[in-house]
C-alpha atoms as a PDB file:
ATOM      1  CA  MET A   1      85.876  85.135 111.369  1.00  0.00           C
ATOM      2  CA  PHE A   2      86.069  82.807 114.383  1.00  0.00           C
ATOM      3  CA  GLU A   3      88.427  80.535 112.436  1.00  0.00           C
ATOM      4  CA  PHE A   4      90.666  83.526 111.729  1.00  0.00           C
ATOM      5  CA  PHE A   5      91.065  84.430 115.417  1.00  0.00           C
ATOM      6  CA  ALA A   6      91.484  80.764 116.301  1.00  0.00           C
ATOM      7  CA  ALA A   7      94.364  80.537 113.827  1.00  0.00           C
ATOM      8  CA  LEU A   8      95.962  83.624 115.360  1.00  0.00           C
ATOM      9  CA  SER A   9      95.990  82.027 118.788  1.00  0.00           C
ATOM     10  CA  ASP A  10      97.120  78.596 117.569  1.00  0.00           C
ATOM     11  CA  PRO A  11     100.714  78.012 118.811  1.00  0.00           C
ATOM     12  CA  ASN A  12     101.330  75.723 115.828  1.00  0.00           C
ATOM     13  CA  LEU A  13     100.707  78.538 113.318  1.00  0.00           C
ATOM     14  CA  PRO A  14     103.369  81.166 114.046  1.00  0.00           C
ATOM     15  CA  PHE A  15     103.622  82.009 110.323  1.00  0.00           C
ATOM     16  CA  PHE A  16     100.016  83.217 110.402  1.00  0.00           C
ATOM     17  CA  ARG A  17     100.757  85.640 113.238  1.00  0.00           C
ATOM     18  CA  TYR A  18     103.855  86.818 111.382  1.00  0.00           C
ATOM     19  CA  ALA A  19     101.698  87.505 108.326  1.00  0.00           C
ATOM     20  CA  VAL A  20      99.184  89.570 110.320  1.00  0.00           C
ATOM     21  CA  ILE A  21     101.895  91.556 112.125  1.00  0.00           C
ATOM     22  CA  ALA A  22     103.777  92.195 108.887  1.00  0.00           C
ATOM     23  CA  GLY A  23     100.581  93.247 107.134  1.00  0.00           C
ATOM     24  CA  LEU A  24      99.690  95.786 109.817  1.00  0.00           C
ATOM     25  CA  LEU A  25     103.218  97.203 109.920  1.00  0.00           C
ATOM     26  CA  ALA A  26     103.487  97.261 106.121  1.00  0.00           C
ATOM     27  CA  ALA A  27     100.307  99.326 105.856  1.00  0.00           C
ATOM     28  CA  ILE A  28     102.274 102.339 107.141  1.00  0.00           C
ATOM     29  CA  PRO A  29     104.781 102.701 104.271  1.00  0.00           C
ATOM     30  CA  PHE A  30     102.185 101.521 101.750  1.00  0.00           C
ATOM     31  CA  GLY A  31      99.761 104.268 102.770  1.00  0.00           C
ATOM     32  CA  ILE A  32     102.395 107.012 102.946  1.00  0.00           C
ATOM     33  CA  ILE A  33     104.312 106.216  99.764  1.00  0.00           C
ATOM     34  CA  GLY A  34     101.144 105.196  97.928  1.00  0.00           C
ATOM     35  CA  THR A  35      99.737 108.665  98.597  1.00  0.00           C
ATOM     36  CA  TYR A  36     102.748 110.287  96.948  1.00  0.00           C
ATOM     37  CA  VAL A  37     102.573 107.840  94.032  1.00  0.00           C
ATOM     38  CA  VAL A  38      98.917 108.707  93.419  1.00  0.00           C
ATOM     39  CA  VAL A  39      99.315 112.466  93.872  1.00  0.00           C
ATOM     40  CA  ARG A  40     102.496 112.635  91.762  1.00  0.00           C
ATOM     41  CA  ARG A  41     100.895 110.297  89.176  1.00  0.00           C
ATOM     42  CA  ILE A  42     103.887 107.967  88.938  1.00  0.00           C
ATOM     43  CA  SER A  43     102.015 104.656  89.052  1.00  0.00           C
ATOM     44  CA  TYR A  44     103.598 103.508  85.784  1.00  0.00           C
ATOM     45  CA  ILE A  45     107.066 104.297  87.102  1.00  0.00           C
ATOM     46  CA  ALA A  46     106.303 102.297  90.249  1.00  0.00           C
ATOM     47  CA  GLY A  47     105.057  99.470  88.015  1.00  0.00           C
ATOM     48  CA  ALA A  48     108.287  99.498  86.026  1.00  0.00           C
ATOM     49  CA  ILE A  49     110.341  99.316  89.232  1.00  0.00           C
ATOM     50  CA  SER A  50     108.315  96.368  90.520  1.00  0.00           C
ATOM     51  CA  HIS A  51     108.636  94.378  87.300  1.00  0.00           C
ATOM     52  CA  CYS A  52     112.349  95.146  86.961  1.00  0.00           C
ATOM     53  CA  MET A  53     112.718  93.672  90.418  1.00  0.00           C
ATOM     54  CA  LEU A  54     112.215  90.152  89.059  1.00  0.00           C
ATOM     55  CA  GLY A  55     115.595  90.570  87.371  1.00  0.00           C
ATOM     56  CA  GLY A  56     117.144  91.170  90.797  1.00  0.00           C
ATOM     57  CA  VAL A  57     115.326  88.204  92.298  1.00  0.00           C
ATOM     58  CA  GLY A  58     116.579  85.908  89.515  1.00  0.00           C
ATOM     59  CA  MET A  59     120.104  87.307  89.791  1.00  0.00           C
ATOM     60  CA  GLY A  60     120.085  86.759  93.550  1.00  0.00           C
ATOM     61  CA  LEU A  61     118.983  83.147  93.175  1.00  0.00           C
ATOM     62  CA  TYR A  62     121.615  82.509  90.489  1.00  0.00           C
ATOM     63  CA  LEU A  63     124.486  84.063  92.450  1.00  0.00           C
ATOM     64  CA  GLN A  64     123.476  82.234  95.599  1.00  0.00           C
ATOM     65  CA  LYS A  65     123.000  78.763  94.131  1.00  0.00           C
ATOM     66  CA  VAL A  66     125.393  78.750  91.171  1.00  0.00           C
ATOM     67  CA  MET A  67     128.145  81.161  92.150  1.00  0.00           C
ATOM     68  CA  GLY A  68     128.067  80.203  95.828  1.00  0.00           C
ATOM     69  CA  ILE A  69     127.630  83.768  97.123  1.00  0.00           C
ATOM     70  CA  SER A  70     125.604  82.844 100.179  1.00  0.00           C
ATOM     71  CA  TRP A  71     125.078  86.375 101.517  1.00  0.00           C
ATOM     72  CA  PHE A  72     123.520  87.669  98.276  1.00  0.00           C
ATOM     73  CA  GLY A  73     120.036  86.242  97.834  1.00  0.00           C
ATOM     74  CA  PRO A  74     116.751  87.194  96.161  1.00  0.00           C
ATOM     75  CA  LEU A  75     115.999  89.955  98.690  1.00  0.00           C
ATOM     76  CA  GLN A  76     119.371  91.644  98.219  1.00  0.00           C
ATOM     77  CA  GLY A  77     119.047  91.338  94.455  1.00  0.00           C
ATOM     78  CA  ALA A  78     115.547  92.814  94.544  1.00  0.00           C
ATOM     79  CA  ILE A  79     116.677  95.797  96.623  1.00  0.00           C
ATOM     80  CA  LEU A  80     119.691  96.428  94.383  1.00  0.00           C
ATOM     81  CA  VAL A  81     117.754  96.294  91.114  1.00  0.00           C
ATOM     82  CA  ALA A  82     114.791  98.263  92.502  1.00  0.00           C
ATOM     83  CA  LEU A  83     117.064 101.106  93.630  1.00  0.00           C
ATOM     84  CA  LEU A  84     119.014 101.000  90.357  1.00  0.00           C
ATOM     85  CA  SER A  85     115.749 101.179  88.407  1.00  0.00           C
ATOM     86  CA  ALA A  86     114.633 104.148  90.509  1.00  0.00           C
ATOM     87  CA  VAL A  87     117.905 105.984  89.755  1.00  0.00           C
ATOM     88  CA  ILE A  88     117.640 105.291  86.015  1.00  0.00           C
ATOM     89  CA  LEU A  89     113.995 106.380  85.826  1.00  0.00           C
ATOM     90  CA  ALA A  90     114.672 109.522  87.864  1.00  0.00           C
ATOM     91  CA  PHE A  91     117.579 110.398  85.553  1.00  0.00           C
ATOM     92  CA  VAL A  92     115.494 109.789  82.425  1.00  0.00           C
ATOM     93  CA  SER A  93     112.614 111.851  83.800  1.00  0.00           C
ATOM     94  CA  SER A  94     114.810 114.774  84.873  1.00  0.00           C
ATOM     95  CA  PHE A  95     117.725 114.970  82.443  1.00  0.00           C
ATOM     96  CA  ALA A  96     117.607 112.620  79.452  1.00  0.00           C
ATOM     97  CA  LYS A  97     115.922 113.508  76.196  1.00  0.00           C
ATOM     98  CA  GLN A  98     114.323 110.104  75.770  1.00  0.00           C
ATOM     99  CA  ARG A  99     110.600 109.456  75.762  1.00  0.00           C
ATOM    100  CA  GLU A 100     109.845 108.497  79.352  1.00  0.00           C
ATOM    101  CA  ASP A 101     107.063 106.080  78.435  1.00  0.00           C
ATOM    102  CA  SER A 102     109.345 104.190  76.033  1.00  0.00           C
ATOM    103  CA  VAL A 103     112.058 103.788  78.672  1.00  0.00           C
ATOM    104  CA  ILE A 104     109.482 102.622  81.231  1.00  0.00           C
ATOM    105  CA  GLY A 105     108.125 100.023  78.801  1.00  0.00           C
ATOM    106  CA  ALA A 106     111.606  98.783  77.930  1.00  0.00           C
ATOM    107  CA  MET A 107     112.668  98.417  81.555  1.00  0.00           C
ATOM    108  CA  TRP A 108     109.338  96.844  82.493  1.00  0.00           C
ATOM    109  CA  SER A 109     109.686  94.001  79.973  1.00  0.00           C
ATOM    110  CA  ALA A 110     113.483  93.620  80.056  1.00  0.00           C
ATOM    111  CA  GLY A 111     113.576  93.286  83.837  1.00  0.00           C
ATOM    112  CA  MET A 112     111.093  90.423  83.825  1.00  0.00           C
ATOM    113  CA  ALA A 113     112.786  88.728  80.872  1.00  0.00           C
ATOM    114  CA  ILE A 114     116.226  88.861  82.530  1.00  0.00           C
ATOM    115  CA  GLY A 115     114.784  87.554  85.782  1.00  0.00           C
ATOM    116  CA  LEU A 116     113.149  84.577  84.086  1.00  0.00           C
ATOM    117  CA  LEU A 117     116.410  83.801  82.244  1.00  0.00           C
ATOM    118  CA  PHE A 118     118.337  83.781  85.538  1.00  0.00           C
ATOM    119  CA  ILE A 119     115.699  81.542  87.126  1.00  0.00           C
ATOM    120  CA  ALA A 120     115.831  79.178  84.139  1.00  0.00           C
ATOM    121  CA  LYS A 121     119.620  78.790  84.511  1.00  0.00           C
ATOM    122  CA  THR A 122     119.464  78.259  88.271  1.00  0.00           C
ATOM    123  CA  PRO A 123     119.620  74.538  89.177  1.00  0.00           C
ATOM    124  CA  GLY A 124     116.756  73.047  91.125  1.00  0.00           C
ATOM    125  CA  TYR A 125     113.125  74.004  90.970  1.00  0.00           C
ATOM    126  CA  THR A 126     112.246  77.646  91.589  1.00  0.00           C
ATOM    127  CA  ASP A 127     108.602  78.606  91.380  1.00  0.00           C
ATOM    128  CA  PRO A 128     108.349  82.101  89.870  1.00  0.00           C
ATOM    129  CA  MET A 129     104.669  82.226  90.877  1.00  0.00           C
ATOM    130  CA  SER A 130     105.580  82.990  94.500  1.00  0.00           C
ATOM    131  CA  TYR A 131     107.378  86.135  93.303  1.00  0.00           C
ATOM    132  CA  LEU A 132     104.837  87.085  90.648  1.00  0.00           C
ATOM    133  CA  PHE A 133     101.790  86.716  92.903  1.00  0.00           C
ATOM    134  CA  GLY A 134     103.320  86.799  96.401  1.00  0.00           C
ATOM    135  CA  ASN A 135     102.553  84.823  99.541  1.00  0.00           C
ATOM    136  CA  ILE A 136     102.259  86.750 102.786  1.00  0.00           C
ATOM    137  CA  LEU A 137     102.188  83.454 104.695  1.00  0.00           C
ATOM    138  CA  LEU A 138     105.896  83.021 103.886  1.00  0.00           C
ATOM    139  CA  ILE A 139     106.758  86.089 105.983  1.00  0.00           C
ATOM    140  CA  THR A 140     109.376  85.299 108.645  1.00  0.00           C
ATOM    141  CA  ARG A 141     110.509  87.000 111.845  1.00  0.00           C
ATOM    142  CA  ASN A 142     113.426  88.537 109.937  1.00  0.00           C
ATOM    143  CA  ASP A 143     110.975  89.997 107.420  1.00  0.00           C
ATOM    144  CA  ILE A 144     109.102  91.670 110.280  1.00  0.00           C
ATOM    145  CA  PHE A 145     112.346  93.305 111.380  1.00  0.00           C
ATOM    146  CA  PHE A 146     112.852  94.544 107.803  1.00  0.00           C
ATOM    147  CA  VAL A 147     109.323  96.010 107.828  1.00  0.00           C
ATOM    148  CA  LEU A 148     110.041  97.823 111.106  1.00  0.00           C
ATOM    149  CA  VAL A 149     113.240  99.300 109.698  1.00  0.00           C
ATOM    150  CA  LEU A 150     111.377 100.451 106.577  1.00  0.00           C
ATOM    151  CA  ASP A 151     108.624 101.981 108.722  1.00  0.00           C
ATOM    152  CA  VAL A 152     111.155 104.028 110.674  1.00  0.00           C
ATOM    153  CA  LEU A 153     112.994 105.031 107.484  1.00  0.00           C
ATOM    154  CA  VAL A 154     109.874 106.118 105.594  1.00  0.00           C
ATOM    155  CA  VAL A 155     108.288 107.982 108.514  1.00  0.00           C
ATOM    156  CA  SER A 156     111.574 109.740 109.341  1.00  0.00           C
ATOM    157  CA  ILE A 157     112.377 110.863 105.789  1.00  0.00           C
ATOM    158  CA  VAL A 158     108.815 111.909 105.021  1.00  0.00           C
ATOM    159  CA  GLY A 159     108.700 113.822 108.307  1.00  0.00           C
ATOM    160  CA  ILE A 160     111.871 115.712 107.388  1.00  0.00           C
ATOM    161  CA  PHE A 161     111.011 116.432 103.742  1.00  0.00           C
ATOM    162  CA  TYR A 162     107.195 116.540 104.000  1.00  0.00           C
ATOM    163  CA  ASN A 163     106.708 120.078 102.663  1.00  0.00           C
ATOM    164  CA  LYS A 164     109.317 119.649  99.932  1.00  0.00           C
ATOM    165  CA  PHE A 165     107.748 116.372  98.798  1.00  0.00           C
ATOM    166  CA  LEU A 166     104.421 118.209  98.584  1.00  0.00           C
ATOM    167  CA  ALA A 167     106.060 120.879  96.452  1.00  0.00           C
ATOM    168  CA  ILE A 168     107.463 118.432  93.900  1.00  0.00           C
ATOM    169  CA  CYS A 169     104.180 116.505  93.791  1.00  0.00           C
ATOM    170  CA  PHE A 170     101.998 119.509  92.995  1.00  0.00           C
ATOM    171  CA  ASP A 171     104.279 121.999  91.215  1.00  0.00           C
ATOM    172  CA  ASP A 172     107.893 120.927  90.834  1.00  0.00           C
ATOM    173  CA  GLU A 173     108.719 123.733  88.387  1.00  0.00           C
ATOM    174  CA  PHE A 174     107.685 126.418  90.883  1.00  0.00           C
ATOM    175  CA  ALA A 175     109.549 124.575  93.650  1.00  0.00           C
ATOM    176  CA  HIS A 176     112.667 124.498  91.470  1.00  0.00           C
ATOM    177  CA  LEU A 177     112.397 128.248  90.887  1.00  0.00           C
ATOM    178  CA  ARG A 178     112.180 128.746  94.655  1.00  0.00           C
ATOM    179  CA  GLY A 179     115.525 126.973  95.076  1.00  0.00           C
ATOM    180  CA  VAL A 180     114.279 123.511  96.010  1.00  0.00           C
ATOM    181  CA  ARG A 181     116.542 120.748  94.666  1.00  0.00           C
ATOM    182  CA  THR A 182     113.653 118.993  92.973  1.00  0.00           C
ATOM    183  CA  HIS A 183     115.739 116.461  91.004  1.00  0.00           C
ATOM    184  CA  TRP A 184     117.352 115.025  94.125  1.00  0.00           C
ATOM    185  CA  LEU A 185     114.071 115.011  96.052  1.00  0.00           C
ATOM    186  CA  TYR A 186     112.359 113.199  93.185  1.00  0.00           C
ATOM    187  CA  LEU A 187     115.172 110.618  93.208  1.00  0.00           C
ATOM    188  CA  LEU A 188     114.745 110.193  96.974  1.00  0.00           C
ATOM    189  CA  LEU A 189     110.999 109.718  96.547  1.00  0.00           C
ATOM    190  CA  LEU A 190     111.538 107.069  93.860  1.00  0.00           C
ATOM    191  CA  CYS A 191     114.079 105.260  96.048  1.00  0.00           C
ATOM    192  CA  LEU A 192     111.576 105.168  98.929  1.00  0.00           C
ATOM    193  CA  THR A 193     108.991 103.875  96.475  1.00  0.00           C
ATOM    194  CA  ALA A 194     111.422 101.170  95.340  1.00  0.00           C
ATOM    195  CA  LEU A 195     112.084  99.991  98.907  1.00  0.00           C
ATOM    196  CA  THR A 196     108.362  99.950  99.658  1.00  0.00           C
ATOM    197  CA  ILE A 197     107.702  97.907  96.530  1.00  0.00           C
ATOM    198  CA  VAL A 198     110.319  95.344  97.576  1.00  0.00           C
ATOM    199  CA  LEU A 199     108.385  94.851 100.797  1.00  0.00           C
ATOM    200  CA  LEU A 200     104.999  94.889  99.078  1.00  0.00           C
ATOM    201  CA  VAL A 201     106.017  92.160  96.631  1.00  0.00           C
ATOM    202  CA  ARG A 202     106.323  89.692  99.522  1.00  0.00           C
ATOM    203  CA  ILE A 203     102.631  90.264 100.233  1.00  0.00           C
ATOM    204  CA  VAL A 204     100.855  90.449  96.861  1.00  0.00           C
ATOM    205  CA  GLY A 205     103.596  89.778  94.300  1.00  0.00           C
ATOM    206  CA  ILE A 206     105.105  91.672  91.398  1.00  0.00           C
ATOM    207  CA  VAL A 207     102.059  91.507  89.122  1.00  0.00           C
ATOM    208  CA  MET A 208      99.591  93.016  91.614  1.00  0.00           C
ATOM    209  CA  VAL A 209     101.906  95.308  93.555  1.00  0.00           C
ATOM    210  CA  ILE A 210     100.652  98.518  91.940  1.00  0.00           C
ATOM    211  CA  ALA A 211      97.060  97.799  92.937  1.00  0.00           C
ATOM    212  CA  LEU A 212      97.770  97.659  96.673  1.00  0.00           C
ATOM    213  CA  LEU A 213     100.172 100.599  96.451  1.00  0.00           C
ATOM    214  CA  THR A 214      97.667 102.875  94.707  1.00  0.00           C
ATOM    215  CA  LEU A 215      94.095 101.721  95.417  1.00  0.00           C
ATOM    216  CA  PRO A 216      93.997 102.592  99.162  1.00  0.00           C
ATOM    217  CA  ALA A 217      95.448 106.034  98.431  1.00  0.00           C
ATOM    218  CA  ALA A 218      93.086 106.542  95.488  1.00  0.00           C
ATOM    219  CA  ILE A 219      90.097 105.699  97.691  1.00  0.00           C
ATOM    220  CA  ALA A 220      91.407 107.924 100.486  1.00  0.00           C
ATOM    221  CA  GLY A 221      91.730 110.834  98.055  1.00  0.00           C
ATOM    222  CA  ASN A 222      87.934 110.956  97.734  1.00  0.00           C
ATOM    223  CA  PHE A 223      87.459 111.703 101.425  1.00  0.00           C
ATOM    224  CA  ALA A 224      90.622 113.454 102.625  1.00  0.00           C
ATOM    225  CA  LYS A 225      90.965 117.230 102.850  1.00  0.00           C
ATOM    226  CA  SER A 226      94.746 117.203 103.117  1.00  0.00           C
ATOM    227  CA  ILE A 227      97.690 114.991 102.243  1.00  0.00           C
ATOM    228  CA  ARG A 228      98.117 114.017 105.902  1.00  0.00           C
ATOM    229  CA  GLN A 229      94.504 112.866 106.089  1.00  0.00           C
ATOM    230  CA  MET A 230      94.924 111.011 102.816  1.00  0.00           C
ATOM    231  CA  MET A 231      97.948 109.158 104.216  1.00  0.00           C
ATOM    232  CA  ILE A 232      96.157 108.201 107.440  1.00  0.00           C
ATOM    233  CA  ILE A 233      93.053 106.950 105.624  1.00  0.00           C
ATOM    234  CA  ALA A 234      95.211 105.055 103.112  1.00  0.00           C
ATOM    235  CA  ILE A 235      97.121 103.361 105.953  1.00  0.00           C
ATOM    236  CA  LEU A 236      93.869 102.298 107.643  1.00  0.00           C
ATOM    237  CA  LEU A 237      92.372 101.039 104.382  1.00  0.00           C
ATOM    238  CA  CYS A 238      95.521  99.109 103.513  1.00  0.00           C
ATOM    239  CA  ALA A 239      95.489  97.420 106.927  1.00  0.00           C
ATOM    240  CA  ILE A 240      91.808  96.552 106.546  1.00  0.00           C
ATOM    241  CA  PHE A 241      92.326  95.101 103.055  1.00  0.00           C
ATOM    242  CA  ILE A 242      95.256  92.953 104.198  1.00  0.00           C
ATOM    243  CA  LEU A 243      93.501  91.661 107.337  1.00  0.00           C
ATOM    244  CA  SER A 244      90.198  90.960 105.578  1.00  0.00           C
ATOM    245  CA  GLY A 245      92.045  89.320 102.688  1.00  0.00           C
ATOM    246  CA  LEU A 246      93.962  87.070 105.075  1.00  0.00           C
ATOM    247  CA  SER A 247      90.777  86.147 106.901  1.00  0.00           C
ATOM    248  CA  ILE A 248      88.771  85.312 103.776  1.00  0.00           C
ATOM    249  CA  SER A 249      91.641  83.466 102.081  1.00  0.00           C
ATOM    250  CA  TYR A 250      92.205  81.360 105.207  1.00  0.00           C
ATOM    251  CA  GLN A 251      88.545  80.408 105.524  1.00  0.00           C
ATOM    252  CA  LEU A 252      88.052  79.661 101.811  1.00  0.00           C
ATOM    253  CA  ASP A 253      91.520  78.158 101.229  1.00  0.00           C
ATOM    254  CA  LEU A 254      92.435  80.720  98.558  1.00  0.00           C
ATOM    255  CA  PRO A 255      95.740  82.481  97.802  1.00  0.00           C
ATOM    256  CA  SER A 256      95.939  85.564 100.004  1.00  0.00           C
ATOM    257  CA  GLY A 257      97.462  88.018  97.484  1.00  0.00           C
ATOM    258  CA  PRO A 258      94.686  87.849  94.873  1.00  0.00           C
ATOM    259  CA  VAL A 259      92.016  87.987  97.605  1.00  0.00           C
ATOM    260  CA  ILE A 260      93.557  91.149  99.097  1.00  0.00           C
ATOM    261  CA  ILE A 261      93.674  92.832  95.689  1.00  0.00           C
ATOM    262  CA  THR A 262      90.120  91.750  94.812  1.00  0.00           C
ATOM    263  CA  ILE A 263      88.796  93.305  98.016  1.00  0.00           C
ATOM    264  CA  ALA A 264      90.728  96.539  97.380  1.00  0.00           C
ATOM    265  CA  ALA A 265      89.488  96.728  93.786  1.00  0.00           C
ATOM    266  CA  ALA A 266      85.888  96.024  94.806  1.00  0.00           C
ATOM    267  CA  VAL A 267      85.948  98.795  97.416  1.00  0.00           C
ATOM    268  CA  TYR A 268      87.536 101.203  94.921  1.00  0.00           C
ATOM    269  CA  LEU A 269      84.835 100.493  92.325  1.00  0.00           C
ATOM    270  CA  ALA A 270      82.066 100.747  94.935  1.00  0.00           C
ATOM    271  CA  VAL A 271      83.363 104.137  96.114  1.00  0.00           C
ATOM    272  CA  ALA A 272      83.779 105.428  92.556  1.00  0.00           C
ATOM    273  CA  ILE A 273      80.294 104.318  91.499  1.00  0.00           C
ATOM    274  CA  GLY A 274      78.728 105.494  94.774  1.00  0.00           C
ATOM    275  CA  LEU A 275      80.253 108.963  94.547  1.00  0.00           C
ATOM    276  CA  LYS A 276      79.217 109.308  90.915  1.00  0.00           C
ATOM    277  CA  TYR A 277      75.648 108.387  91.836  1.00  0.00           C
ATOM    278  CA  ILE A 278      75.601 110.850  94.729  1.00  0.00           C
ATOM    279  CA  PHE A 279      76.838 113.779  92.635  1.00  0.00           C
ATOM    280  CA  THR A 280      75.072 113.024  89.334  1.00  0.00           C
ATOM    281  CA  GLY A 281      72.082 110.922  90.381  1.00  0.00           C
ATOM    282  CA  LYS A 282      72.996 108.176  87.937  1.00  0.00           C
ATOM    283  CA  VAL A 283      75.672 105.481  87.523  1.00  0.00           C
END
């Protein structure tokens, strides 16, 4: 732990401070949106959005390096494809007569395949591992600004539509009968989820994004008595997982993303087993 605080105060390691700041700020949208994802049971939809995002990353790299479009990079491509995926999945869920699970599976695999094809045709060496498994130590000052903007956006929208989001999470049919525009609210929720996933991918990568989005909220659900409490606990847990993961990965020279997810998964399993033992007397 001493090495962790020493690294934070080292003037030659600004990237480490950026990672810690970004992790703490990112815990806010992760905890809030993750709570809705868990309560609404849309983890698979969030997973499809995250994997489709690789297509946007590959497209951004290709357009930037091959087509010479300097202003459109991997981040812009990821945001565009993530939002487009959210719109498609919201439309399929609300209006289309297709099997939702089949569409999710198709988008999940096609997005990754298209992304890898774009990366393969982009000159120079591009390591897809940094996108698949993330690297919070690559966070820059501009990324911190993006996190702040997302924090303000998520907190503002959730504050405005809090009760309506609750309605569509627990009983969207009743909410629709009461005159709530559930289809548009569901689309808004998926778009917020997409933007949060774009940010989350920088920390733990595409493959493990769903774990950090859902595990803190799932743990919080065992102790919270309301959605607000669940969000607050999820935010605190997410911050703890990111900070402890950074600390352990720095001391043991391990990749930070997998360490963060391992800690989150271990705590989730410990809570699940512990609660089962308390209530049933056996594991």
